[in-house]
Amino acid sequence: MFGLLNLDKPSGLTSRDVVDRVQALVRPLKVGHAGTLDPLARGVLIVCVGQATRLIPYVQRMAKHYRGTFLLGRESDTEDCEGTVRLLDSPPVPSRGQLADALPRFVGRIPQVPPAYSALKVGGRRAYELARQGQQVELAAREVQIHSLELVEYDYPEFSLDVVCGAGTYVRSLGRDVARAVGSQAVMSDLVRTAIGPFRREDALAVDRLSCEAVFTNLLPARRAVIELPQLDLSPDELAKLRRGQSIPNRQGLNAGEIAGLDDQGELAALLTVADDGRCLRPTHNFGSSQ
């Protein structure tokens, strides 16, 4: 059991709830998810099983695809419809063109102020814990990457955006900022994560179909987590040396920061880094039954 589960999380469950369900089926193996979805949100949640939990950071770095739906002319303490929603008094009604014209300024590397109701820590405590206690929470702006942003539906007060973004982006805050750019406010009413890198929602397993058999038959190869790394086929001799912690010759002259080493079955066997002025490759992680 060394691989990834592409799961379709429903609304109403936390990401931790889903991990716990998988954990109950594969105990005592480790289980972890690669990117939190709020309870309101639906869609792709990648769960890593066994030694694949070491690969969580690689999945987290992949581009994330979302469809976010928002309601103009209202605001919320949580920036979504699950908080306390307040209707604005006589808000403007922007045209579709005005909304579309506001989007380009939010593409690229942009500063974003996270929502007060978030899992970010303030003084060692989660921001949402402080906000629920009525404390004023002010989070500093952080730089996030928005690869693309498209207005796909608009029927006032509702509009929907297709978003492709990097790690750490809050889509509800993105909708908030787009609304402010046209002189209004907005709350997020729905969020669907349609893909993470190559993992698509249409290929995902519904959480209510989880079982021991479903985990076994739907477990994806761990190499899918490092698909963006250069891949090197390892001989049995090279693999044996790596598992003893020894370096092997860099026979292909690779110069990437990290390299995925595959065994003769095409499975992920090791993560490698270049050493000795490019002449050798040394293991940073070994994977296998002996680990």
C-alpha atoms as a PDB file:
ATOM      1  CA  MET A   1       0.000   0.000   0.000  1.00  0.00           C
ATOM      2  CA  PHE A   2       2.159   2.788  -1.371  1.00  0.00           C
ATOM      3  CA  GLY A   3       0.283   5.279  -3.490  1.00  0.00           C
ATOM      4  CA  LEU A   4      -2.339   7.976  -3.897  1.00  0.00           C
ATOM      5  CA  LEU A   5      -6.110   8.107  -3.778  1.00  0.00           C
ATOM      6  CA  ASN A   6      -7.904  10.678  -5.924  1.00  0.00           C
ATOM      7  CA  LEU A   7     -11.091  11.236  -3.916  1.00  0.00           C
ATOM      8  CA  ASP A   8     -14.150  13.386  -4.618  1.00  0.00           C
ATOM      9  CA  LYS A   9     -14.883  15.069  -1.295  1.00  0.00           C
ATOM     10  CA  PRO A  10     -18.518  16.066  -0.755  1.00  0.00           C
ATOM     11  CA  SER A  11     -19.681  19.217   1.010  1.00  0.00           C
ATOM     12  CA  GLY A  12     -20.157  18.853   4.745  1.00  0.00           C
ATOM     13  CA  LEU A  13     -17.036  16.825   5.470  1.00  0.00           C
ATOM     14  CA  THR A  14     -13.677  18.222   6.514  1.00  0.00           C
ATOM     15  CA  SER A  15     -10.524  16.994   4.801  1.00  0.00           C
ATOM     16  CA  ARG A  16      -9.574  15.391   8.116  1.00  0.00           C
ATOM     17  CA  ASP A  17     -12.882  13.475   8.127  1.00  0.00           C
ATOM     18  CA  VAL A  18     -11.935  11.931   4.784  1.00  0.00           C
ATOM     19  CA  VAL A  19      -8.424  11.043   5.957  1.00  0.00           C
ATOM     20  CA  ASP A  20      -9.891   9.363   9.037  1.00  0.00           C
ATOM     21  CA  ARG A  21     -12.163   7.220   6.858  1.00  0.00           C
ATOM     22  CA  VAL A  22      -9.211   6.040   4.785  1.00  0.00           C
ATOM     23  CA  GLN A  23      -7.104   5.544   7.916  1.00  0.00           C
ATOM     24  CA  ALA A  24      -9.720   3.218   9.370  1.00  0.00           C
ATOM     25  CA  LEU A  25      -9.438   1.017   6.269  1.00  0.00           C
ATOM     26  CA  VAL A  26      -5.645   0.796   6.011  1.00  0.00           C
ATOM     27  CA  ARG A  27      -4.499   1.011   9.658  1.00  0.00           C
ATOM     28  CA  PRO A  28      -1.684   0.898  10.787  1.00  0.00           C
ATOM     29  CA  LEU A  29      -0.357   2.595   7.634  1.00  0.00           C
ATOM     30  CA  LYS A  30       0.102   6.359   7.674  1.00  0.00           C
ATOM     31  CA  VAL A  31      -2.411   8.474   5.754  1.00  0.00           C
ATOM     32  CA  GLY A  32      -2.396  12.185   4.914  1.00  0.00           C
ATOM     33  CA  HIS A  33      -4.032  14.599   2.477  1.00  0.00           C
ATOM     34  CA  ALA A  34      -2.276  16.961   0.078  1.00  0.00           C
ATOM     35  CA  GLY A  35      -4.267  20.186   0.322  1.00  0.00           C
ATOM     36  CA  THR A  36      -7.145  21.130   2.591  1.00  0.00           C
ATOM     37  CA  LEU A  37     -10.680  21.678   1.303  1.00  0.00           C
ATOM     38  CA  ASP A  38     -13.077  23.577   3.580  1.00  0.00           C
ATOM     39  CA  PRO A  39     -16.277  21.739   4.592  1.00  0.00           C
ATOM     40  CA  LEU A  40     -18.260  23.873   2.106  1.00  0.00           C
ATOM     41  CA  ALA A  41     -16.020  22.833  -0.791  1.00  0.00           C
ATOM     42  CA  ARG A  42     -16.319  19.762  -2.993  1.00  0.00           C
ATOM     43  CA  GLY A  43     -14.021  17.993  -5.379  1.00  0.00           C
ATOM     44  CA  VAL A  44     -10.515  16.601  -5.693  1.00  0.00           C
ATOM     45  CA  LEU A  45      -8.760  15.641  -2.478  1.00  0.00           C
ATOM     46  CA  ILE A  46      -5.547  13.658  -2.891  1.00  0.00           C
ATOM     47  CA  VAL A  47      -4.938  11.243  -0.011  1.00  0.00           C
ATOM     48  CA  CYS A  48      -1.487   9.686   0.284  1.00  0.00           C
ATOM     49  CA  VAL A  49      -1.160   6.195   1.765  1.00  0.00           C
ATOM     50  CA  GLY A  50       1.844   4.560   3.422  1.00  0.00           C
ATOM     51  CA  GLN A  51       5.265   5.866   2.449  1.00  0.00           C
ATOM     52  CA  ALA A  52       3.547   8.121  -0.113  1.00  0.00           C
ATOM     53  CA  THR A  53       2.829  10.542   2.760  1.00  0.00           C
ATOM     54  CA  ARG A  54       6.431  11.691   2.175  1.00  0.00           C
ATOM     55  CA  LEU A  55       5.269  12.932  -1.224  1.00  0.00           C
ATOM     56  CA  ILE A  56       2.574  15.287   0.050  1.00  0.00           C
ATOM     57  CA  PRO A  57       4.676  18.436  -0.600  1.00  0.00           C
ATOM     58  CA  TYR A  58       5.063  17.493  -4.279  1.00  0.00           C
ATOM     59  CA  VAL A  59       1.298  17.265  -4.803  1.00  0.00           C
ATOM     60  CA  GLN A  60       0.769  20.486  -2.877  1.00  0.00           C
ATOM     61  CA  ARG A  61       3.030  22.300  -5.342  1.00  0.00           C
ATOM     62  CA  MET A  62       0.883  21.291  -8.325  1.00  0.00           C
ATOM     63  CA  ALA A  63      -1.490  23.819  -9.904  1.00  0.00           C
ATOM     64  CA  LYS A  64      -5.033  23.650  -8.542  1.00  0.00           C
ATOM     65  CA  HIS A  65      -8.165  24.156 -10.641  1.00  0.00           C
ATOM     66  CA  TYR A  66     -11.349  25.539  -9.082  1.00  0.00           C
ATOM     67  CA  ARG A  67     -14.845  26.667 -10.034  1.00  0.00           C
ATOM     68  CA  GLY A  68     -15.917  29.238  -7.457  1.00  0.00           C
ATOM     69  CA  THR A  69     -19.405  30.753  -7.277  1.00  0.00           C
ATOM     70  CA  PHE A  70     -20.073  34.068  -5.510  1.00  0.00           C
ATOM     71  CA  LEU A  71     -22.975  36.337  -4.580  1.00  0.00           C
ATOM     72  CA  LEU A  72     -22.487  40.070  -5.063  1.00  0.00           C
ATOM     73  CA  GLY A  73     -23.952  42.764  -2.856  1.00  0.00           C
ATOM     74  CA  ARG A  74     -23.301  41.056   0.470  1.00  0.00           C
ATOM     75  CA  GLU A  75     -20.456  40.390   2.878  1.00  0.00           C
ATOM     76  CA  SER A  76     -19.658  37.766   5.492  1.00  0.00           C
ATOM     77  CA  ASP A  77     -17.260  37.407   8.398  1.00  0.00           C
ATOM     78  CA  THR A  78     -16.058  34.108   6.895  1.00  0.00           C
ATOM     79  CA  GLU A  79     -16.166  35.408   3.292  1.00  0.00           C
ATOM     80  CA  ASP A  80     -18.542  32.573   2.400  1.00  0.00           C
ATOM     81  CA  CYS A  81     -22.219  31.821   2.923  1.00  0.00           C
ATOM     82  CA  GLU A  82     -21.550  29.712   6.026  1.00  0.00           C
ATOM     83  CA  GLY A  83     -20.768  32.816   8.081  1.00  0.00           C
ATOM     84  CA  THR A  84     -22.973  35.711   9.126  1.00  0.00           C
ATOM     85  CA  VAL A  85     -24.089  37.243   5.834  1.00  0.00           C
ATOM     86  CA  ARG A  86     -25.083  40.905   5.634  1.00  0.00           C
ATOM     87  CA  LEU A  87     -26.778  42.444   2.588  1.00  0.00           C
ATOM     88  CA  LEU A  88     -25.335  45.754   1.427  1.00  0.00           C
ATOM     89  CA  ASP A  89     -27.563  48.806   1.180  1.00  0.00           C
ATOM     90  CA  SER A  90     -28.129  49.686  -2.513  1.00  0.00           C
ATOM     91  CA  PRO A  91     -24.949  48.085  -3.892  1.00  0.00           C
ATOM     92  CA  PRO A  92     -23.932  48.754  -7.494  1.00  0.00           C
ATOM     93  CA  VAL A  93     -24.875  46.203 -10.149  1.00  0.00           C
ATOM     94  CA  PRO A  94     -21.805  45.786 -12.362  1.00  0.00           C
ATOM     95  CA  SER A  95     -22.140  44.700 -15.963  1.00  0.00           C
ATOM     96  CA  ARG A  96     -20.606  41.465 -17.223  1.00  0.00           C
ATOM     97  CA  GLY A  97     -18.019  43.569 -19.035  1.00  0.00           C
ATOM     98  CA  GLN A  98     -17.048  45.391 -15.840  1.00  0.00           C
ATOM     99  CA  LEU A  99     -16.538  42.107 -14.018  1.00  0.00           C
ATOM    100  CA  ALA A 100     -14.528  40.600 -16.870  1.00  0.00           C
ATOM    101  CA  ASP A 101     -12.386  43.745 -17.193  1.00  0.00           C
ATOM    102  CA  ALA A 102     -11.473  43.544 -13.484  1.00  0.00           C
ATOM    103  CA  LEU A 103      -9.974  40.059 -13.737  1.00  0.00           C
ATOM    104  CA  PRO A 104      -6.599  40.660 -15.468  1.00  0.00           C
ATOM    105  CA  ARG A 105      -5.235  42.593 -12.473  1.00  0.00           C
ATOM    106  CA  PHE A 106      -5.607  39.403 -10.399  1.00  0.00           C
ATOM    107  CA  VAL A 107      -3.533  37.196 -12.723  1.00  0.00           C
ATOM    108  CA  GLY A 108       0.145  36.546 -11.985  1.00  0.00           C
ATOM    109  CA  ARG A 109       1.890  36.883  -8.645  1.00  0.00           C
ATOM    110  CA  ILE A 110      -0.414  39.051  -6.564  1.00  0.00           C
ATOM    111  CA  PRO A 111      -0.715  40.034  -2.879  1.00  0.00           C
ATOM    112  CA  GLN A 112      -3.676  38.487  -1.091  1.00  0.00           C
ATOM    113  CA  VAL A 113      -4.941  39.068   2.439  1.00  0.00           C
ATOM    114  CA  PRO A 114      -6.161  35.676   3.772  1.00  0.00           C
ATOM    115  CA  PRO A 115      -9.574  35.466   5.448  1.00  0.00           C
ATOM    116  CA  ALA A 116      -9.772  35.862   9.215  1.00  0.00           C
ATOM    117  CA  TYR A 117     -11.500  32.472   9.330  1.00  0.00           C
ATOM    118  CA  SER A 118      -8.531  30.461   8.106  1.00  0.00           C
ATOM    119  CA  ALA A 119      -6.167  27.858   9.528  1.00  0.00           C
ATOM    120  CA  LEU A 120      -3.200  30.228   9.452  1.00  0.00           C
ATOM    121  CA  LYS A 121      -1.574  30.754  12.830  1.00  0.00           C
ATOM    122  CA  VAL A 122      -1.486  34.040  14.756  1.00  0.00           C
ATOM    123  CA  GLY A 123       0.669  33.957  17.857  1.00  0.00           C
ATOM    124  CA  GLY A 124       0.651  30.175  17.831  1.00  0.00           C
ATOM    125  CA  ARG A 125      -3.134  29.849  17.483  1.00  0.00           C
ATOM    126  CA  ARG A 126      -5.343  29.248  14.456  1.00  0.00           C
ATOM    127  CA  ALA A 127      -6.841  32.449  13.105  1.00  0.00           C
ATOM    128  CA  TYR A 128     -10.336  30.943  12.993  1.00  0.00           C
ATOM    129  CA  GLU A 129     -10.151  30.070  16.702  1.00  0.00           C
ATOM    130  CA  LEU A 130      -9.461  33.702  17.567  1.00  0.00           C
ATOM    131  CA  ALA A 131     -12.137  34.953  15.172  1.00  0.00           C
ATOM    132  CA  ARG A 132     -14.752  32.635  16.704  1.00  0.00           C
ATOM    133  CA  GLN A 133     -13.942  34.134  20.107  1.00  0.00           C
ATOM    134  CA  GLY A 134     -14.734  37.570  18.751  1.00  0.00           C
ATOM    135  CA  GLN A 135     -11.132  38.730  18.618  1.00  0.00           C
ATOM    136  CA  GLN A 136      -9.981  41.047  15.856  1.00  0.00           C
ATOM    137  CA  VAL A 137      -7.790  39.084  13.452  1.00  0.00           C
ATOM    138  CA  GLU A 138      -5.583  40.953  11.004  1.00  0.00           C
ATOM    139  CA  LEU A 139      -3.494  38.812   8.689  1.00  0.00           C
ATOM    140  CA  ALA A 140      -0.729  40.231   6.543  1.00  0.00           C
ATOM    141  CA  ALA A 141      -0.978  40.003   2.766  1.00  0.00           C
ATOM    142  CA  ARG A 142       0.881  37.085   1.192  1.00  0.00           C
ATOM    143  CA  GLU A 143       1.998  36.625  -2.392  1.00  0.00           C
ATOM    144  CA  VAL A 144       0.049  33.964  -4.296  1.00  0.00           C
ATOM    145  CA  GLN A 145       0.200  32.750  -7.890  1.00  0.00           C
ATOM    146  CA  ILE A 146      -2.878  32.974 -10.107  1.00  0.00           C
ATOM    147  CA  HIS A 147      -2.165  31.207 -13.394  1.00  0.00           C
ATOM    148  CA  SER A 148      -5.508  31.998 -15.033  1.00  0.00           C
ATOM    149  CA  LEU A 149      -8.855  33.535 -14.099  1.00  0.00           C
ATOM    150  CA  GLU A 150     -11.992  33.416 -16.233  1.00  0.00           C
ATOM    151  CA  LEU A 151     -15.560  34.649 -15.753  1.00  0.00           C
ATOM    152  CA  VAL A 152     -17.732  31.718 -16.851  1.00  0.00           C
ATOM    153  CA  GLU A 153     -21.218  32.677 -15.604  1.00  0.00           C
ATOM    154  CA  TYR A 154     -22.902  35.888 -14.518  1.00  0.00           C
ATOM    155  CA  ASP A 155     -26.522  36.468 -13.601  1.00  0.00           C
ATOM    156  CA  TYR A 156     -26.643  39.138 -10.912  1.00  0.00           C
ATOM    157  CA  PRO A 157     -26.078  38.664  -8.035  1.00  0.00           C
ATOM    158  CA  GLU A 158     -24.342  35.375  -8.873  1.00  0.00           C
ATOM    159  CA  PHE A 159     -21.097  34.990 -10.788  1.00  0.00           C
ATOM    160  CA  SER A 160     -18.722  32.061 -11.267  1.00  0.00           C
ATOM    161  CA  LEU A 161     -14.984  32.045 -11.859  1.00  0.00           C
ATOM    162  CA  ASP A 162     -12.697  29.341 -13.185  1.00  0.00           C
ATOM    163  CA  VAL A 163      -9.408  29.667 -11.307  1.00  0.00           C
ATOM    164  CA  VAL A 164      -6.048  27.973 -11.822  1.00  0.00           C
ATOM    165  CA  CYS A 165      -3.738  28.872  -8.953  1.00  0.00           C
ATOM    166  CA  GLY A 166      -0.788  27.878  -6.838  1.00  0.00           C
ATOM    167  CA  ALA A 167      -0.595  26.727  -3.231  1.00  0.00           C
ATOM    168  CA  GLY A 168      -1.841  29.013  -0.480  1.00  0.00           C
ATOM    169  CA  THR A 169      -4.501  30.790  -2.562  1.00  0.00           C
ATOM    170  CA  TYR A 170      -7.872  31.443  -0.926  1.00  0.00           C
ATOM    171  CA  VAL A 171     -10.525  31.417  -3.650  1.00  0.00           C
ATOM    172  CA  ARG A 172     -13.111  33.058  -1.373  1.00  0.00           C
ATOM    173  CA  SER A 173     -10.688  35.947  -0.847  1.00  0.00           C
ATOM    174  CA  LEU A 174     -10.128  36.154  -4.587  1.00  0.00           C
ATOM    175  CA  GLY A 175     -13.891  36.547  -5.125  1.00  0.00           C
ATOM    176  CA  ARG A 176     -13.955  39.170  -2.368  1.00  0.00           C
ATOM    177  CA  ASP A 177     -11.242  41.189  -4.082  1.00  0.00           C
ATOM    178  CA  VAL A 178     -12.832  40.922  -7.543  1.00  0.00           C
ATOM    179  CA  ALA A 179     -16.091  42.249  -6.094  1.00  0.00           C
ATOM    180  CA  ARG A 180     -14.271  45.132  -4.419  1.00  0.00           C
ATOM    181  CA  ALA A 181     -12.660  45.994  -7.744  1.00  0.00           C
ATOM    182  CA  VAL A 182     -16.139  46.730  -9.148  1.00  0.00           C
ATOM    183  CA  GLY A 183     -17.239  48.663  -6.060  1.00  0.00           C
ATOM    184  CA  SER A 184     -19.115  45.919  -4.230  1.00  0.00           C
ATOM    185  CA  GLN A 185     -18.631  42.971  -1.881  1.00  0.00           C
ATOM    186  CA  ALA A 186     -19.247  39.249  -2.377  1.00  0.00           C
ATOM    187  CA  VAL A 187     -19.473  35.981  -0.472  1.00  0.00           C
ATOM    188  CA  MET A 188     -18.600  32.565  -1.851  1.00  0.00           C
ATOM    189  CA  SER A 189     -21.620  30.273  -2.136  1.00  0.00           C
ATOM    190  CA  ASP A 190     -19.981  27.202  -3.712  1.00  0.00           C
ATOM    191  CA  LEU A 191     -16.504  25.881  -4.471  1.00  0.00           C
ATOM    192  CA  VAL A 192     -15.470  22.857  -6.503  1.00  0.00           C
ATOM    193  CA  ARG A 193     -11.860  21.760  -6.939  1.00  0.00           C
ATOM    194  CA  THR A 194     -11.914  20.259 -10.397  1.00  0.00           C
ATOM    195  CA  ALA A 195      -8.268  19.167 -10.574  1.00  0.00           C
ATOM    196  CA  ILE A 196      -4.873  19.147  -8.895  1.00  0.00           C
ATOM    197  CA  GLY A 197      -2.174  18.816 -11.542  1.00  0.00           C
ATOM    198  CA  PRO A 198      -3.050  15.650 -13.519  1.00  0.00           C
ATOM    199  CA  PHE A 199      -5.630  14.464 -10.970  1.00  0.00           C
ATOM    200  CA  ARG A 200      -9.117  15.276 -12.296  1.00  0.00           C
ATOM    201  CA  ARG A 201     -12.473  15.196 -10.566  1.00  0.00           C
ATOM    202  CA  GLU A 202     -14.041  13.070 -13.295  1.00  0.00           C
ATOM    203  CA  ASP A 203     -11.550  10.311 -12.405  1.00  0.00           C
ATOM    204  CA  ALA A 204     -12.016  10.612  -8.633  1.00  0.00           C
ATOM    205  CA  LEU A 205     -13.571   8.031  -6.326  1.00  0.00           C
ATOM    206  CA  ALA A 206     -16.602   9.211  -4.376  1.00  0.00           C
ATOM    207  CA  VAL A 207     -15.957   9.171  -0.627  1.00  0.00           C
ATOM    208  CA  ASP A 208     -19.181   7.228   0.038  1.00  0.00           C
ATOM    209  CA  ARG A 209     -17.780   4.368  -2.070  1.00  0.00           C
ATOM    210  CA  LEU A 210     -14.715   3.904   0.120  1.00  0.00           C
ATOM    211  CA  SER A 211     -14.018   0.326   1.214  1.00  0.00           C
ATOM    212  CA  CYS A 212     -10.949  -1.857   1.634  1.00  0.00           C
ATOM    213  CA  GLU A 213     -11.455  -3.209  -1.877  1.00  0.00           C
ATOM    214  CA  ALA A 214     -12.026   0.279  -3.335  1.00  0.00           C
ATOM    215  CA  VAL A 215      -8.819   1.571  -1.742  1.00  0.00           C
ATOM    216  CA  PHE A 216      -6.844  -1.324  -3.201  1.00  0.00           C
ATOM    217  CA  THR A 217      -8.313  -1.061  -6.720  1.00  0.00           C
ATOM    218  CA  ASN A 218      -8.178   2.751  -6.904  1.00  0.00           C
ATOM    219  CA  LEU A 219      -4.717   3.291  -5.422  1.00  0.00           C
ATOM    220  CA  LEU A 220      -2.640   5.233  -7.969  1.00  0.00           C
ATOM    221  CA  PRO A 221       1.132   4.722  -8.359  1.00  0.00           C
ATOM    222  CA  ALA A 222       3.199   6.951  -6.091  1.00  0.00           C
ATOM    223  CA  ARG A 223       5.223   8.141  -9.097  1.00  0.00           C
ATOM    224  CA  ARG A 224       2.179  10.218 -10.113  1.00  0.00           C
ATOM    225  CA  ALA A 225       3.021  12.562  -7.223  1.00  0.00           C
ATOM    226  CA  VAL A 226       6.398  13.419  -8.751  1.00  0.00           C
ATOM    227  CA  ILE A 227       5.380  13.469 -12.400  1.00  0.00           C
ATOM    228  CA  GLU A 228       6.894  16.946 -12.750  1.00  0.00           C
ATOM    229  CA  LEU A 229      10.377  15.671 -11.809  1.00  0.00           C
ATOM    230  CA  PRO A 230      12.860  14.164 -14.300  1.00  0.00           C
ATOM    231  CA  GLN A 231      12.592  10.372 -14.143  1.00  0.00           C
ATOM    232  CA  LEU A 232      15.455   7.895 -14.241  1.00  0.00           C
ATOM    233  CA  ASP A 233      15.179   4.138 -14.730  1.00  0.00           C
ATOM    234  CA  LEU A 234      17.389   2.395 -12.165  1.00  0.00           C
ATOM    235  CA  SER A 235      19.131  -0.954 -12.615  1.00  0.00           C
ATOM    236  CA  PRO A 236      18.844  -3.515  -9.787  1.00  0.00           C
ATOM    237  CA  ASP A 237      22.489  -2.847  -8.892  1.00  0.00           C
ATOM    238  CA  GLU A 238      21.935   0.915  -8.733  1.00  0.00           C
ATOM    239  CA  LEU A 239      18.825   0.436  -6.628  1.00  0.00           C
ATOM    240  CA  ALA A 240      20.673  -1.820  -4.197  1.00  0.00           C
ATOM    241  CA  LYS A 241      23.408   0.798  -3.755  1.00  0.00           C
ATOM    242  CA  LEU A 242      20.903   3.580  -3.188  1.00  0.00           C
ATOM    243  CA  ARG A 243      19.111   1.546  -0.522  1.00  0.00           C
ATOM    244  CA  ARG A 244      22.439   1.194   1.285  1.00  0.00           C
ATOM    245  CA  GLY A 245      22.725   4.988   1.201  1.00  0.00           C
ATOM    246  CA  GLN A 246      25.451   4.924  -1.453  1.00  0.00           C
ATOM    247  CA  SER A 247      25.730   7.244  -4.458  1.00  0.00           C
ATOM    248  CA  ILE A 248      25.561   6.079  -8.067  1.00  0.00           C
ATOM    249  CA  PRO A 249      27.154   7.584 -11.210  1.00  0.00           C
ATOM    250  CA  ASN A 250      25.164  10.331 -12.916  1.00  0.00           C
ATOM    251  CA  ARG A 251      25.316   8.465 -16.214  1.00  0.00           C
ATOM    252  CA  GLN A 252      22.839  10.751 -17.993  1.00  0.00           C
ATOM    253  CA  GLY A 253      24.402  13.985 -16.793  1.00  0.00           C
ATOM    254  CA  LEU A 254      21.196  15.118 -15.074  1.00  0.00           C
ATOM    255  CA  ASN A 255      21.363  18.516 -13.358  1.00  0.00           C
ATOM    256  CA  ALA A 256      17.854  18.911 -11.893  1.00  0.00           C
ATOM    257  CA  GLY A 257      17.360  19.742  -8.234  1.00  0.00           C
ATOM    258  CA  GLU A 258      15.492  16.467  -7.689  1.00  0.00           C
ATOM    259  CA  ILE A 259      15.105  13.289  -9.710  1.00  0.00           C
ATOM    260  CA  ALA A 260      12.601  10.447  -9.418  1.00  0.00           C
ATOM    261  CA  GLY A 261      14.274   7.035  -9.605  1.00  0.00           C
ATOM    262  CA  LEU A 262      12.114   4.172 -10.915  1.00  0.00           C
ATOM    263  CA  ASP A 263      12.624   0.433 -10.459  1.00  0.00           C
ATOM    264  CA  ASP A 264      12.306  -2.178 -13.209  1.00  0.00           C
ATOM    265  CA  GLN A 265       8.518  -2.217 -12.691  1.00  0.00           C
ATOM    266  CA  GLY A 266       8.270   1.513 -13.284  1.00  0.00           C
ATOM    267  CA  GLU A 267       7.452   2.165  -9.626  1.00  0.00           C
ATOM    268  CA  LEU A 268       8.947   5.007  -7.604  1.00  0.00           C
ATOM    269  CA  ALA A 269      11.942   3.603  -5.732  1.00  0.00           C
ATOM    270  CA  ALA A 270      13.920   6.673  -4.686  1.00  0.00           C
ATOM    271  CA  LEU A 271      14.248  10.420  -4.824  1.00  0.00           C
ATOM    272  CA  LEU A 272      17.713  11.547  -5.841  1.00  0.00           C
ATOM    273  CA  THR A 273      19.794  14.698  -5.852  1.00  0.00           C
ATOM    274  CA  VAL A 274      22.926  15.578  -7.820  1.00  0.00           C
ATOM    275  CA  ALA A 275      26.199  15.455  -5.851  1.00  0.00           C
ATOM    276  CA  ASP A 276      29.969  15.645  -6.316  1.00  0.00           C
ATOM    277  CA  ASP A 277      29.911  18.448  -8.897  1.00  0.00           C
ATOM    278  CA  GLY A 278      27.369  16.605 -11.002  1.00  0.00           C
ATOM    279  CA  ARG A 279      29.239  13.303 -11.214  1.00  0.00           C
ATOM    280  CA  CYS A 280      27.010  11.312  -8.842  1.00  0.00           C
ATOM    281  CA  LEU A 281      23.451  10.955  -7.661  1.00  0.00           C
ATOM    282  CA  ARG A 282      22.708  10.358  -4.003  1.00  0.00           C
ATOM    283  CA  PRO A 283      19.424   9.285  -2.422  1.00  0.00           C
ATOM    284  CA  THR A 284      17.351  11.703  -0.351  1.00  0.00           C
ATOM    285  CA  HIS A 285      14.522   9.168   0.137  1.00  0.00           C
ATOM    286  CA  ASN A 286      14.300   5.450  -0.518  1.00  0.00           C
ATOM    287  CA  PHE A 287      10.953   3.708  -0.923  1.00  0.00           C
ATOM    288  CA  GLY A 288      10.304  -0.001  -0.678  1.00  0.00           C
ATOM    289  CA  SER A 289       9.220  -2.851   1.558  1.00  0.00           C
ATOM    290  CA  SER A 290      12.367  -2.563   3.652  1.00  0.00           C
ATOM    291  CA  GLN A 291      11.749   1.086   4.539  1.00  0.00           C
END
